[in-house]
Amino acid sequence: MALVDTILIFVISLLVGALAIHVGAKLVIDSDVGFVRAVITALVGAIVWGVLSFFVGWIPLLGPLLMLIAWISVINLQYPGGWGSAAAIGFVAWIVAVVALYVLAVLNIVSLGALGVPGA
């Protein structure tokens, strides 16, 4: 049962993170960006964040800053528009993920955490 729960939490977290990135990209870029691209971005972003967290996350201020820059660079590689657009997509994604997770937490479906969106 624990394996099923873990897989379910992973899938829900990934979908919330992907939805948040997708909404952010649609609002910032204003074109058809595709949900599959958002899923890939969320997954790769989570992996990059996790790896950097392991190696530099313990360094005060610098570690989290490097992790955030790396996450934004994943978005920058996936979507057109440059660093400003990538940062804006990330910011909107963070807001969307927090709101979505809050609603899911109030409904007692998941806890507050989304794969692919830092700090959400």
PDB file of N, CA and C in Angstrom:
ATOM      1  N   MET A   1       0.814  -1.194   0.000  1.00  0.00           N
ATOM      2  CA  MET A   1       0.000   0.000   0.000  1.00  0.00           C
ATOM      3  C   MET A   1       0.859   1.259   0.000  1.00  0.00           C
ATOM      4  N   ALA A   2       2.008   1.228   0.697  1.00  0.00           N
ATOM      5  CA  ALA A   2       2.886   2.402   0.759  1.00  0.00           C
ATOM      6  C   ALA A   2       3.427   2.750  -0.625  1.00  0.00           C
ATOM      7  N   LEU A   3       3.714   1.744  -1.439  1.00  0.00           N
ATOM      8  CA  LEU A   3       4.216   1.995  -2.794  1.00  0.00           C
ATOM      9  C   LEU A   3       3.149   2.683  -3.640  1.00  0.00           C
ATOM     10  N   VAL A   4       1.908   2.237  -3.520  1.00  0.00           N
ATOM     11  CA  VAL A   4       0.809   2.850  -4.266  1.00  0.00           C
ATOM     12  C   VAL A   4       0.620   4.303  -3.827  1.00  0.00           C
ATOM     13  N   ASP A   5       0.694   4.544  -2.530  1.00  0.00           N
ATOM     14  CA  ASP A   5       0.572   5.915  -2.016  1.00  0.00           C
ATOM     15  C   ASP A   5       1.700   6.796  -2.531  1.00  0.00           C
ATOM     16  N   THR A   6       2.904   6.274  -2.519  1.00  0.00           N
ATOM     17  CA  THR A   6       4.063   7.032  -2.998  1.00  0.00           C
ATOM     18  C   THR A   6       3.918   7.380  -4.475  1.00  0.00           C
ATOM     19  N   ILE A   7       3.504   6.417  -5.264  1.00  0.00           N
ATOM     20  CA  ILE A   7       3.309   6.659  -6.700  1.00  0.00           C
ATOM     21  C   ILE A   7       2.203   7.673  -6.928  1.00  0.00           C
ATOM     22  N   LEU A   8       1.117   7.556  -6.189  1.00  0.00           N
ATOM     23  CA  LEU A   8       0.001   8.492  -6.321  1.00  0.00           C
ATOM     24  C   LEU A   8       0.431   9.907  -5.950  1.00  0.00           C
ATOM     25  N   ILE A   9       1.160  10.065  -4.858  1.00  0.00           N
ATOM     26  CA  ILE A   9       1.640  11.383  -4.443  1.00  0.00           C
ATOM     27  C   ILE A   9       2.599  11.946  -5.489  1.00  0.00           C
ATOM     28  N   PHE A  10       3.476  11.113  -6.034  1.00  0.00           N
ATOM     29  CA  PHE A  10       4.402  11.551  -7.084  1.00  0.00           C
ATOM     30  C   PHE A  10       3.636  12.052  -8.298  1.00  0.00           C
ATOM     31  N   VAL A  11       2.657  11.291  -8.759  1.00  0.00           N
ATOM     32  CA  VAL A  11       1.889  11.664  -9.952  1.00  0.00           C
ATOM     33  C   VAL A  11       1.106  12.949  -9.706  1.00  0.00           C
ATOM     34  N   ILE A  12       0.433  13.061  -8.570  1.00  0.00           N
ATOM     35  CA  ILE A  12      -0.334  14.275  -8.276  1.00  0.00           C
ATOM     36  C   ILE A  12       0.591  15.479  -8.184  1.00  0.00           C
ATOM     37  N   SER A  13       1.721  15.320  -7.494  1.00  0.00           N
ATOM     38  CA  SER A  13       2.674  16.421  -7.366  1.00  0.00           C
ATOM     39  C   SER A  13       3.233  16.835  -8.720  1.00  0.00           C
ATOM     40  N   LEU A  14       3.550  15.851  -9.556  1.00  0.00           N
ATOM     41  CA  LEU A  14       4.067  16.157 -10.891  1.00  0.00           C
ATOM     42  C   LEU A  14       3.015  16.877 -11.729  1.00  0.00           C
ATOM     43  N   LEU A  15       1.774  16.425 -11.655  1.00  0.00           N
ATOM     44  CA  LEU A  15       0.711  17.067 -12.429  1.00  0.00           C
ATOM     45  C   LEU A  15       0.424  18.487 -11.948  1.00  0.00           C
ATOM     46  N   VAL A  16       0.452  18.698 -10.634  1.00  0.00           N
ATOM     47  CA  VAL A  16       0.256  20.062 -10.116  1.00  0.00           C
ATOM     48  C   VAL A  16       1.401  20.956 -10.569  1.00  0.00           C
ATOM     49  N   GLY A  17       2.642  20.464 -10.467  1.00  0.00           N
ATOM     50  CA  GLY A  17       3.791  21.246 -10.920  1.00  0.00           C
ATOM     51  C   GLY A  17       3.724  21.535 -12.410  1.00  0.00           C
ATOM     52  N   ALA A  18       3.361  20.534 -13.201  1.00  0.00           N
ATOM     53  CA  ALA A  18       3.251  20.722 -14.650  1.00  0.00           C
ATOM     54  C   ALA A  18       2.127  21.687 -15.000  1.00  0.00           C
ATOM     55  N   LEU A  19       0.995  21.557 -14.314  1.00  0.00           N
ATOM     56  CA  LEU A  19      -0.120  22.478 -14.553  1.00  0.00           C
ATOM     57  C   LEU A  19       0.302  23.913 -14.239  1.00  0.00           C
ATOM     58  N   ALA A  20       1.008  24.090 -13.134  1.00  0.00           N
ATOM     59  CA  ALA A  20       1.461  25.429 -12.746  1.00  0.00           C
ATOM     60  C   ALA A  20       2.415  26.013 -13.791  1.00  0.00           C
ATOM     61  N   ILE A  21       3.359  25.217 -14.258  1.00  0.00           N
ATOM     62  CA  ILE A  21       4.294  25.688 -15.284  1.00  0.00           C
ATOM     63  C   ILE A  21       3.553  25.966 -16.588  1.00  0.00           C
ATOM     64  N   HIS A  22       2.612  25.103 -16.932  1.00  0.00           N
ATOM     65  CA  HIS A  22       1.828  25.294 -18.154  1.00  0.00           C
ATOM     66  C   HIS A  22       1.036  26.605 -18.118  1.00  0.00           C
ATOM     67  N   VAL A  23       0.375  26.863 -16.994  1.00  0.00           N
ATOM     68  CA  VAL A  23      -0.382  28.109 -16.850  1.00  0.00           C
ATOM     69  C   VAL A  23       0.564  29.303 -16.922  1.00  0.00           C
ATOM     70  N   GLY A  24       1.694  29.213 -16.235  1.00  0.00           N
ATOM     71  CA  GLY A  24       2.680  30.295 -16.280  1.00  0.00           C
ATOM     72  C   GLY A  24       3.166  30.559 -17.695  1.00  0.00           C
ATOM     73  N   ALA A  25       3.460  29.506 -18.429  1.00  0.00           N
ATOM     74  CA  ALA A  25       3.941  29.656 -19.803  1.00  0.00           C
ATOM     75  C   ALA A  25       2.858  30.244 -20.707  1.00  0.00           C
ATOM     76  N   LYS A  26       1.621  29.776 -20.550  1.00  0.00           N
ATOM     77  CA  LYS A  26       0.539  30.317 -21.383  1.00  0.00           C
ATOM     78  C   LYS A  26       0.303  31.798 -21.097  1.00  0.00           C
ATOM     79  N   LEU A  27       0.383  32.189 -19.829  1.00  0.00           N
ATOM     80  CA  LEU A  27       0.159  33.592 -19.480  1.00  0.00           C
ATOM     81  C   LEU A  27       1.311  34.492 -19.926  1.00  0.00           C
ATOM     82  N   VAL A  28       2.532  34.024 -19.800  1.00  0.00           N
ATOM     83  CA  VAL A  28       3.699  34.852 -20.107  1.00  0.00           C
ATOM     84  C   VAL A  28       4.008  34.850 -21.598  1.00  0.00           C
ATOM     85  N   ILE A  29       4.009  33.679 -22.212  1.00  0.00           N
ATOM     86  CA  ILE A  29       4.394  33.577 -23.627  1.00  0.00           C
ATOM     87  C   ILE A  29       3.209  33.817 -24.547  1.00  0.00           C
ATOM     88  N   ASP A  30       2.006  33.476 -24.090  1.00  0.00           N
ATOM     89  CA  ASP A  30       0.784  33.692 -24.854  1.00  0.00           C
ATOM     90  C   ASP A  30       0.784  32.941 -26.184  1.00  0.00           C
ATOM     91  N   SER A  31       1.163  31.677 -26.133  1.00  0.00           N
ATOM     92  CA  SER A  31       1.076  30.823 -27.308  1.00  0.00           C
ATOM     93  C   SER A  31       0.807  29.396 -26.845  1.00  0.00           C
ATOM     94  N   ASP A  32       0.522  28.508 -27.788  1.00  0.00           N
ATOM     95  CA  ASP A  32       0.261  27.119 -27.446  1.00  0.00           C
ATOM     96  C   ASP A  32       1.580  26.456 -27.061  1.00  0.00           C
ATOM     97  N   VAL A  33       1.756  26.203 -25.777  1.00  0.00           N
ATOM     98  CA  VAL A  33       3.026  25.693 -25.284  1.00  0.00           C
ATOM     99  C   VAL A  33       3.002  24.183 -25.037  1.00  0.00           C
ATOM    100  N   GLY A  34       1.862  23.584 -24.967  1.00  0.00           N
ATOM    101  CA  GLY A  34       1.747  22.139 -24.804  1.00  0.00           C
ATOM    102  C   GLY A  34       1.957  21.673 -23.377  1.00  0.00           C
ATOM    103  N   PHE A  35       1.058  20.815 -22.909  1.00  0.00           N
ATOM    104  CA  PHE A  35       1.128  20.318 -21.542  1.00  0.00           C
ATOM    105  C   PHE A  35       2.267  19.322 -21.363  1.00  0.00           C
ATOM    106  N   VAL A  36       2.571  18.543 -22.396  1.00  0.00           N
ATOM    107  CA  VAL A  36       3.659  17.562 -22.295  1.00  0.00           C
ATOM    108  C   VAL A  36       4.984  18.279 -22.032  1.00  0.00           C
ATOM    109  N   ARG A  37       5.195  19.407 -22.663  1.00  0.00           N
ATOM    110  CA  ARG A  37       6.414  20.197 -22.430  1.00  0.00           C
ATOM    111  C   ARG A  37       6.474  20.647 -20.969  1.00  0.00           C
ATOM    112  N   ALA A  38       5.330  21.002 -20.408  1.00  0.00           N
ATOM    113  CA  ALA A  38       5.284  21.419 -19.002  1.00  0.00           C
ATOM    114  C   ALA A  38       5.600  20.246 -18.071  1.00  0.00           C
ATOM    115  N   VAL A  39       5.121  19.056 -18.406  1.00  0.00           N
ATOM    116  CA  VAL A  39       5.419  17.864 -17.599  1.00  0.00           C
ATOM    117  C   VAL A  39       6.917  17.583 -17.632  1.00  0.00           C
ATOM    118  N   ILE A  40       7.500  17.629 -18.819  1.00  0.00           N
ATOM    119  CA  ILE A  40       8.942  17.396 -18.952  1.00  0.00           C
ATOM    120  C   ILE A  40       9.719  18.470 -18.194  1.00  0.00           C
ATOM    121  N   THR A  41       9.305  19.718 -18.312  1.00  0.00           N
ATOM    122  CA  THR A  41       9.968  20.815 -17.605  1.00  0.00           C
ATOM    123  C   THR A  41       9.886  20.618 -16.100  1.00  0.00           C
ATOM    124  N   ALA A  42       8.716  20.241 -15.604  1.00  0.00           N
ATOM    125  CA  ALA A  42       8.545  20.015 -14.168  1.00  0.00           C
ATOM    126  C   ALA A  42       9.423  18.868 -13.684  1.00  0.00           C
ATOM    127  N   LEU A  43       9.478  17.791 -14.445  1.00  0.00           N
ATOM    128  CA  LEU A  43      10.271  16.630 -14.048  1.00  0.00           C
ATOM    129  C   LEU A  43      11.766  16.942 -14.064  1.00  0.00           C
ATOM    130  N   VAL A  44      12.241  17.536 -15.160  1.00  0.00           N
ATOM    131  CA  VAL A  44      13.664  17.886 -15.257  1.00  0.00           C
ATOM    132  C   VAL A  44      14.016  18.948 -14.214  1.00  0.00           C
ATOM    133  N   GLY A  45      13.141  19.927 -14.029  1.00  0.00           N
ATOM    134  CA  GLY A  45      13.378  20.957 -13.027  1.00  0.00           C
ATOM    135  C   GLY A  45      13.488  20.382 -11.631  1.00  0.00           C
ATOM    136  N   ALA A  46      12.645  19.409 -11.316  1.00  0.00           N
ATOM    137  CA  ALA A  46      12.697  18.769 -10.003  1.00  0.00           C
ATOM    138  C   ALA A  46      13.991  17.978  -9.819  1.00  0.00           C
ATOM    139  N   ILE A  47      14.425  17.304 -10.871  1.00  0.00           N
ATOM    140  CA  ILE A  47      15.678  16.542 -10.799  1.00  0.00           C
ATOM    141  C   ILE A  47      16.863  17.477 -10.607  1.00  0.00           C
ATOM    142  N   VAL A  48      16.923  18.547 -11.399  1.00  0.00           N
ATOM    143  CA  VAL A  48      18.005  19.524 -11.273  1.00  0.00           C
ATOM    144  C   VAL A  48      18.001  20.143  -9.884  1.00  0.00           C
ATOM    145  N   TRP A  49      16.821  20.539  -9.406  1.00  0.00           N
ATOM    146  CA  TRP A  49      16.691  21.134  -8.072  1.00  0.00           C
ATOM    147  C   TRP A  49      17.189  20.149  -7.006  1.00  0.00           C
ATOM    148  N   GLY A  50      16.784  18.895  -7.124  1.00  0.00           N
ATOM    149  CA  GLY A  50      17.178  17.889  -6.140  1.00  0.00           C
ATOM    150  C   GLY A  50      18.670  17.624  -6.123  1.00  0.00           C
ATOM    151  N   VAL A  51      19.270  17.514  -7.300  1.00  0.00           N
ATOM    152  CA  VAL A  51      20.714  17.267  -7.381  1.00  0.00           C
ATOM    153  C   VAL A  51      21.492  18.444  -6.798  1.00  0.00           C
ATOM    154  N   LEU A  52      21.122  19.659  -7.211  1.00  0.00           N
ATOM    155  CA  LEU A  52      21.816  20.829  -6.675  1.00  0.00           C
ATOM    156  C   LEU A  52      21.568  20.992  -5.188  1.00  0.00           C
ATOM    157  N   SER A  53      20.392  20.645  -4.737  1.00  0.00           N
ATOM    158  CA  SER A  53      20.086  20.723  -3.312  1.00  0.00           C
ATOM    159  C   SER A  53      21.034  19.820  -2.520  1.00  0.00           C
ATOM    160  N   PHE A  54      21.307  18.661  -3.065  1.00  0.00           N
ATOM    161  CA  PHE A  54      22.216  17.719  -2.407  1.00  0.00           C
ATOM    162  C   PHE A  54      23.630  18.287  -2.304  1.00  0.00           C
ATOM    163  N   PHE A  55      24.094  18.916  -3.399  1.00  0.00           N
ATOM    164  CA  PHE A  55      25.479  19.372  -3.441  1.00  0.00           C
ATOM    165  C   PHE A  55      25.702  20.767  -2.857  1.00  0.00           C
ATOM    166  N   VAL A  56      24.782  21.698  -3.071  1.00  0.00           N
ATOM    167  CA  VAL A  56      25.017  23.078  -2.623  1.00  0.00           C
ATOM    168  C   VAL A  56      23.889  23.633  -1.761  1.00  0.00           C
ATOM    169  N   GLY A  57      22.847  22.862  -1.534  1.00  0.00           N
ATOM    170  CA  GLY A  57      21.703  23.359  -0.778  1.00  0.00           C
ATOM    171  C   GLY A  57      22.030  23.770   0.642  1.00  0.00           C
ATOM    172  N   TRP A  58      23.073  23.232   1.187  1.00  0.00           N
ATOM    173  CA  TRP A  58      23.450  23.531   2.567  1.00  0.00           C
ATOM    174  C   TRP A  58      24.168  24.868   2.704  1.00  0.00           C
ATOM    175  N   ILE A  59      24.616  25.475   1.610  1.00  0.00           N
ATOM    176  CA  ILE A  59      25.334  26.750   1.667  1.00  0.00           C
ATOM    177  C   ILE A  59      24.313  27.876   1.855  1.00  0.00           C
ATOM    178  N   PRO A  60      24.396  28.603   2.967  1.00  0.00           N
ATOM    179  CA  PRO A  60      23.411  29.667   3.213  1.00  0.00           C
ATOM    180  C   PRO A  60      23.388  30.691   2.077  1.00  0.00           C
ATOM    181  N   LEU A  61      22.208  31.074   1.678  1.00  0.00           N
ATOM    182  CA  LEU A  61      21.908  32.049   0.631  1.00  0.00           C
ATOM    183  C   LEU A  61      22.392  31.616  -0.748  1.00  0.00           C
ATOM    184  N   LEU A  62      23.653  31.262  -0.892  1.00  0.00           N
ATOM    185  CA  LEU A  62      24.197  30.898  -2.204  1.00  0.00           C
ATOM    186  C   LEU A  62      23.577  29.609  -2.739  1.00  0.00           C
ATOM    187  N   GLY A  63      23.434  28.606  -1.888  1.00  0.00           N
ATOM    188  CA  GLY A  63      22.864  27.326  -2.322  1.00  0.00           C
ATOM    189  C   GLY A  63      21.468  27.473  -2.897  1.00  0.00           C
ATOM    190  N   PRO A  64      20.524  28.036  -2.128  1.00  0.00           N
ATOM    191  CA  PRO A  64      19.179  28.219  -2.672  1.00  0.00           C
ATOM    192  C   PRO A  64      19.141  29.124  -3.901  1.00  0.00           C
ATOM    193  N   LEU A  65      20.005  30.132  -3.945  1.00  0.00           N
ATOM    194  CA  LEU A  65      20.053  31.019  -5.111  1.00  0.00           C
ATOM    195  C   LEU A  65      20.509  30.252  -6.351  1.00  0.00           C
ATOM    196  N   LEU A  66      21.545  29.427  -6.211  1.00  0.00           N
ATOM    197  CA  LEU A  66      22.011  28.617  -7.340  1.00  0.00           C
ATOM    198  C   LEU A  66      20.951  27.617  -7.780  1.00  0.00           C
ATOM    199  N   MET A  67      20.230  27.051  -6.827  1.00  0.00           N
ATOM    200  CA  MET A  67      19.165  26.106  -7.158  1.00  0.00           C
ATOM    201  C   MET A  67      18.042  26.798  -7.918  1.00  0.00           C
ATOM    202  N   LEU A  68      17.680  28.002  -7.488  1.00  0.00           N
ATOM    203  CA  LEU A  68      16.631  28.760  -8.176  1.00  0.00           C
ATOM    204  C   LEU A  68      17.065  29.139  -9.581  1.00  0.00           C
ATOM    205  N   ILE A  69      18.306  29.583  -9.741  1.00  0.00           N
ATOM    206  CA  ILE A  69      18.821  29.935 -11.076  1.00  0.00           C
ATOM    207  C   ILE A  69      18.823  28.710 -11.983  1.00  0.00           C
ATOM    208  N   ALA A  70      19.207  27.566 -11.443  1.00  0.00           N
ATOM    209  CA  ALA A  70      19.206  26.333 -12.246  1.00  0.00           C
ATOM    210  C   ALA A  70      17.791  25.962 -12.671  1.00  0.00           C
ATOM    211  N   TRP A  71      16.820  26.105 -11.761  1.00  0.00           N
ATOM    212  CA  TRP A  71      15.430  25.791 -12.103  1.00  0.00           C
ATOM    213  C   TRP A  71      14.916  26.742 -13.180  1.00  0.00           C
ATOM    214  N   ILE A  72      15.225  28.016 -13.050  1.00  0.00           N
ATOM    215  CA  ILE A  72      14.811  28.993 -14.066  1.00  0.00           C
ATOM    216  C   ILE A  72      15.514  28.704 -15.392  1.00  0.00           C
ATOM    217  N   SER A  73      16.751  28.221 -15.333  1.00  0.00           N
ATOM    218  CA  SER A  73      17.452  27.896 -16.587  1.00  0.00           C
ATOM    219  C   SER A  73      16.795  26.714 -17.297  1.00  0.00           C
ATOM    220  N   VAL A  74      16.231  25.766 -16.542  1.00  0.00           N
ATOM    221  CA  VAL A  74      15.484  24.660 -17.167  1.00  0.00           C
ATOM    222  C   VAL A  74      14.276  25.216 -17.908  1.00  0.00           C
ATOM    223  N   ILE A  75      13.570  26.133 -17.278  1.00  0.00           N
ATOM    224  CA  ILE A  75      12.425  26.775 -17.939  1.00  0.00           C
ATOM    225  C   ILE A  75      12.907  27.550 -19.158  1.00  0.00           C
ATOM    226  N   ASN A  76      14.020  28.259 -19.029  1.00  0.00           N
ATOM    227  CA  ASN A  76      14.581  29.046 -20.129  1.00  0.00           C
ATOM    228  C   ASN A  76      14.934  28.160 -21.321  1.00  0.00           C
ATOM    229  N   LEU A  77      15.421  26.951 -21.056  1.00  0.00           N
ATOM    230  CA  LEU A  77      15.765  26.031 -22.148  1.00  0.00           C
ATOM    231  C   LEU A  77      14.526  25.462 -22.830  1.00  0.00           C
ATOM    232  N   GLN A  78      13.427  25.370 -22.098  1.00  0.00           N
ATOM    233  CA  GLN A  78      12.211  24.759 -22.643  1.00  0.00           C
ATOM    234  C   GLN A  78      11.295  25.738 -23.377  1.00  0.00           C
ATOM    235  N   TYR A  79      11.354  27.005 -22.998  1.00  0.00           N
ATOM    236  CA  TYR A  79      10.407  27.970 -23.546  1.00  0.00           C
ATOM    237  C   TYR A  79      11.134  29.162 -24.155  1.00  0.00           C
ATOM    238  N   PRO A  80      10.562  29.752 -25.201  1.00  0.00           N
ATOM    239  CA  PRO A  80      11.187  30.933 -25.815  1.00  0.00           C
ATOM    240  C   PRO A  80      10.983  32.181 -24.954  1.00  0.00           C
ATOM    241  N   GLY A  81      11.786  33.190 -25.210  1.00  0.00           N
ATOM    242  CA  GLY A  81      11.572  34.471 -24.550  1.00  0.00           C
ATOM    243  C   GLY A  81      12.705  34.933 -23.663  1.00  0.00           C
ATOM    244  N   GLY A  82      13.659  34.093 -23.373  1.00  0.00           N
ATOM    245  CA  GLY A  82      14.806  34.520 -22.585  1.00  0.00           C
ATOM    246  C   GLY A  82      14.602  34.388 -21.081  1.00  0.00           C
ATOM    247  N   TRP A  83      15.585  34.926 -20.357  1.00  0.00           N
ATOM    248  CA  TRP A  83      15.620  34.799 -18.905  1.00  0.00           C
ATOM    249  C   TRP A  83      14.469  35.514 -18.210  1.00  0.00           C
ATOM    250  N   GLY A  84      14.096  36.678 -18.708  1.00  0.00           N
ATOM    251  CA  GLY A  84      12.990  37.423 -18.094  1.00  0.00           C
ATOM    252  C   GLY A  84      11.687  36.643 -18.180  1.00  0.00           C
ATOM    253  N   SER A  85      11.426  36.086 -19.349  1.00  0.00           N
ATOM    254  CA  SER A  85      10.211  35.274 -19.522  1.00  0.00           C
ATOM    255  C   SER A  85      10.270  34.025 -18.650  1.00  0.00           C
ATOM    256  N   ALA A  86      11.433  33.397 -18.582  1.00  0.00           N
ATOM    257  CA  ALA A  86      11.578  32.187 -17.766  1.00  0.00           C
ATOM    258  C   ALA A  86      11.329  32.494 -16.293  1.00  0.00           C
ATOM    259  N   ALA A  87      11.865  33.613 -15.814  1.00  0.00           N
ATOM    260  CA  ALA A  87      11.638  34.002 -14.420  1.00  0.00           C
ATOM    261  C   ALA A  87      10.162  34.313 -14.177  1.00  0.00           C
ATOM    262  N   ALA A  88       9.526  34.969 -15.127  1.00  0.00           N
ATOM    263  CA  ALA A  88       8.095  35.282 -14.994  1.00  0.00           C
ATOM    264  C   ALA A  88       7.261  34.000 -15.002  1.00  0.00           C
ATOM    265  N   ILE A  89       7.604  33.058 -15.881  1.00  0.00           N
ATOM    266  CA  ILE A  89       6.901  31.765 -15.909  1.00  0.00           C
ATOM    267  C   ILE A  89       7.055  31.071 -14.561  1.00  0.00           C
ATOM    268  N   GLY A  90       8.266  31.078 -14.030  1.00  0.00           N
ATOM    269  CA  GLY A  90       8.523  30.456 -12.733  1.00  0.00           C
ATOM    270  C   GLY A  90       7.730  31.105 -11.620  1.00  0.00           C
ATOM    271  N   PHE A  91       7.648  32.421 -11.624  1.00  0.00           N
ATOM    272  CA  PHE A  91       6.899  33.137 -10.588  1.00  0.00           C
ATOM    273  C   PHE A  91       5.406  32.812 -10.659  1.00  0.00           C
ATOM    274  N   VAL A  92       4.856  32.856 -11.868  1.00  0.00           N
ATOM    275  CA  VAL A  92       3.437  32.526 -12.040  1.00  0.00           C
ATOM    276  C   VAL A  92       3.196  31.067 -11.663  1.00  0.00           C
ATOM    277  N   ALA A  93       4.116  30.185 -12.055  1.00  0.00           N
ATOM    278  CA  ALA A  93       3.977  28.762 -11.722  1.00  0.00           C
ATOM    279  C   ALA A  93       3.967  28.563 -10.215  1.00  0.00           C
ATOM    280  N   TRP A  94       4.809  29.291  -9.515  1.00  0.00           N
ATOM    281  CA  TRP A  94       4.856  29.172  -8.060  1.00  0.00           C
ATOM    282  C   TRP A  94       3.516  29.575  -7.441  1.00  0.00           C
ATOM    283  N   ILE A  95       2.962  30.696  -7.910  1.00  0.00           N
ATOM    284  CA  ILE A  95       1.673  31.168  -7.386  1.00  0.00           C
ATOM    285  C   ILE A  95       0.568  30.147  -7.677  1.00  0.00           C
ATOM    286  N   VAL A  96       0.511  29.663  -8.909  1.00  0.00           N
ATOM    287  CA  VAL A  96      -0.521  28.692  -9.294  1.00  0.00           C
ATOM    288  C   VAL A  96      -0.384  27.412  -8.470  1.00  0.00           C
ATOM    289  N   ALA A  97       0.838  26.939  -8.278  1.00  0.00           N
ATOM    290  CA  ALA A  97       1.056  25.710  -7.508  1.00  0.00           C
ATOM    291  C   ALA A  97       0.631  25.887  -6.055  1.00  0.00           C
ATOM    292  N   VAL A  98       0.963  27.015  -5.468  1.00  0.00           N
ATOM    293  CA  VAL A  98       0.579  27.262  -4.073  1.00  0.00           C
ATOM    294  C   VAL A  98      -0.944  27.275  -3.935  1.00  0.00           C
ATOM    295  N   VAL A  99      -1.623  27.947  -4.847  1.00  0.00           N
ATOM    296  CA  VAL A  99      -3.090  28.004  -4.787  1.00  0.00           C
ATOM    297  C   VAL A  99      -3.687  26.610  -4.997  1.00  0.00           C
ATOM    298  N   ALA A 100      -3.203  25.886  -6.009  1.00  0.00           N
ATOM    299  CA  ALA A 100      -3.737  24.551  -6.286  1.00  0.00           C
ATOM    300  C   ALA A 100      -3.493  23.610  -5.116  1.00  0.00           C
ATOM    301  N   LEU A 101      -2.298  23.663  -4.545  1.00  0.00           N
ATOM    302  CA  LEU A 101      -1.987  22.783  -3.424  1.00  0.00           C
ATOM    303  C   LEU A 101      -2.768  23.165  -2.172  1.00  0.00           C
ATOM    304  N   TYR A 102      -3.013  24.438  -1.987  1.00  0.00           N
ATOM    305  CA  TYR A 102      -3.827  24.871  -0.852  1.00  0.00           C
ATOM    306  C   TYR A 102      -5.235  24.281  -0.962  1.00  0.00           C
ATOM    307  N   VAL A 103      -5.803  24.372  -2.162  1.00  0.00           N
ATOM    308  CA  VAL A 103      -7.151  23.825  -2.376  1.00  0.00           C
ATOM    309  C   VAL A 103      -7.142  22.312  -2.144  1.00  0.00           C
ATOM    310  N   LEU A 104      -6.135  21.610  -2.680  1.00  0.00           N
ATOM    311  CA  LEU A 104      -6.061  20.157  -2.481  1.00  0.00           C
ATOM    312  C   LEU A 104      -5.830  19.800  -1.013  1.00  0.00           C
ATOM    313  N   ALA A 105      -5.059  20.618  -0.302  1.00  0.00           N
ATOM    314  CA  ALA A 105      -4.819  20.364   1.122  1.00  0.00           C
ATOM    315  C   ALA A 105      -6.091  20.602   1.941  1.00  0.00           C
ATOM    316  N   VAL A 106      -6.839  21.649   1.590  1.00  0.00           N
ATOM    317  CA  VAL A 106      -8.096  21.914   2.291  1.00  0.00           C
ATOM    318  C   VAL A 106      -9.069  20.749   2.075  1.00  0.00           C
ATOM    319  N   LEU A 107      -9.044  20.182   0.893  1.00  0.00           N
ATOM    320  CA  LEU A 107      -9.897  19.025   0.591  1.00  0.00           C
ATOM    321  C   LEU A 107      -9.319  17.725   1.143  1.00  0.00           C
ATOM    322  N   ASN A 108      -8.161  17.824   1.823  1.00  0.00           N
ATOM    323  CA  ASN A 108      -7.478  16.687   2.431  1.00  0.00           C
ATOM    324  C   ASN A 108      -7.076  15.629   1.407  1.00  0.00           C
ATOM    325  N   ILE A 109      -6.650  16.092   0.211  1.00  0.00           N
ATOM    326  CA  ILE A 109      -6.213  15.169  -0.837  1.00  0.00           C
ATOM    327  C   ILE A 109      -4.701  14.995  -0.803  1.00  0.00           C
ATOM    328  N   VAL A 110      -3.955  16.101  -0.688  1.00  0.00           N
ATOM    329  CA  VAL A 110      -2.490  16.050  -0.619  1.00  0.00           C
ATOM    330  C   VAL A 110      -2.001  17.075   0.388  1.00  0.00           C
ATOM    331  N   SER A 111      -0.714  16.956   0.701  1.00  0.00           N
ATOM    332  CA  SER A 111      -0.083  17.990   1.526  1.00  0.00           C
ATOM    333  C   SER A 111       0.494  19.043   0.605  1.00  0.00           C
ATOM    334  N   LEU A 112       0.979  20.123   1.181  1.00  0.00           N
ATOM    335  CA  LEU A 112       1.503  21.241   0.384  1.00  0.00           C
ATOM    336  C   LEU A 112       2.890  20.892  -0.156  1.00  0.00           C
ATOM    337  N   GLY A 113       2.974  20.528  -1.441  1.00  0.00           N
ATOM    338  CA  GLY A 113       4.239  20.220  -2.099  1.00  0.00           C
ATOM    339  C   GLY A 113       3.982  19.804  -3.535  1.00  0.00           C
ATOM    340  N   ALA A 114       4.703  20.422  -4.480  1.00  0.00           N
ATOM    341  CA  ALA A 114       4.526  20.086  -5.890  1.00  0.00           C
ATOM    342  C   ALA A 114       5.879  19.756  -6.504  1.00  0.00           C
ATOM    343  N   LEU A 115       5.938  18.674  -7.226  1.00  0.00           N
ATOM    344  CA  LEU A 115       7.154  18.293  -7.911  1.00  0.00           C
ATOM    345  C   LEU A 115       7.370  19.208  -9.093  1.00  0.00           C
ATOM    346  N   GLY A 116       8.534  19.792  -9.178  1.00  0.00           N
ATOM    347  CA  GLY A 116       8.868  20.650 -10.307  1.00  0.00           C
ATOM    348  C   GLY A 116       8.669  22.114 -10.066  1.00  0.00           C
ATOM    349  N   VAL A 117       8.147  22.493  -8.913  1.00  0.00           N
ATOM    350  CA  VAL A 117       7.974  23.903  -8.573  1.00  0.00           C
ATOM    351  C   VAL A 117       8.587  24.099  -7.192  1.00  0.00           C
ATOM    352  N   PRO A 118       9.737  24.747  -7.110  1.00  0.00           N
ATOM    353  CA  PRO A 118      10.422  24.905  -5.830  1.00  0.00           C
ATOM    354  C   PRO A 118       9.589  25.652  -4.796  1.00  0.00           C
ATOM    355  N   GLY A 119       9.656  25.172  -3.598  1.00  0.00           N
ATOM    356  CA  GLY A 119       9.010  25.860  -2.486  1.00  0.00           C
ATOM    357  C   GLY A 119       7.497  25.790  -2.480  1.00  0.00           C
ATOM    358  N   ALA A 120       6.939  25.007  -3.379  1.00  0.00           N
ATOM    359  CA  ALA A 120       5.480  24.898  -3.410  1.00  0.00           C
ATOM    360  C   ALA A 120       5.052  23.570  -2.857  1.00  0.00           C
TER     361      ALA A 120
END
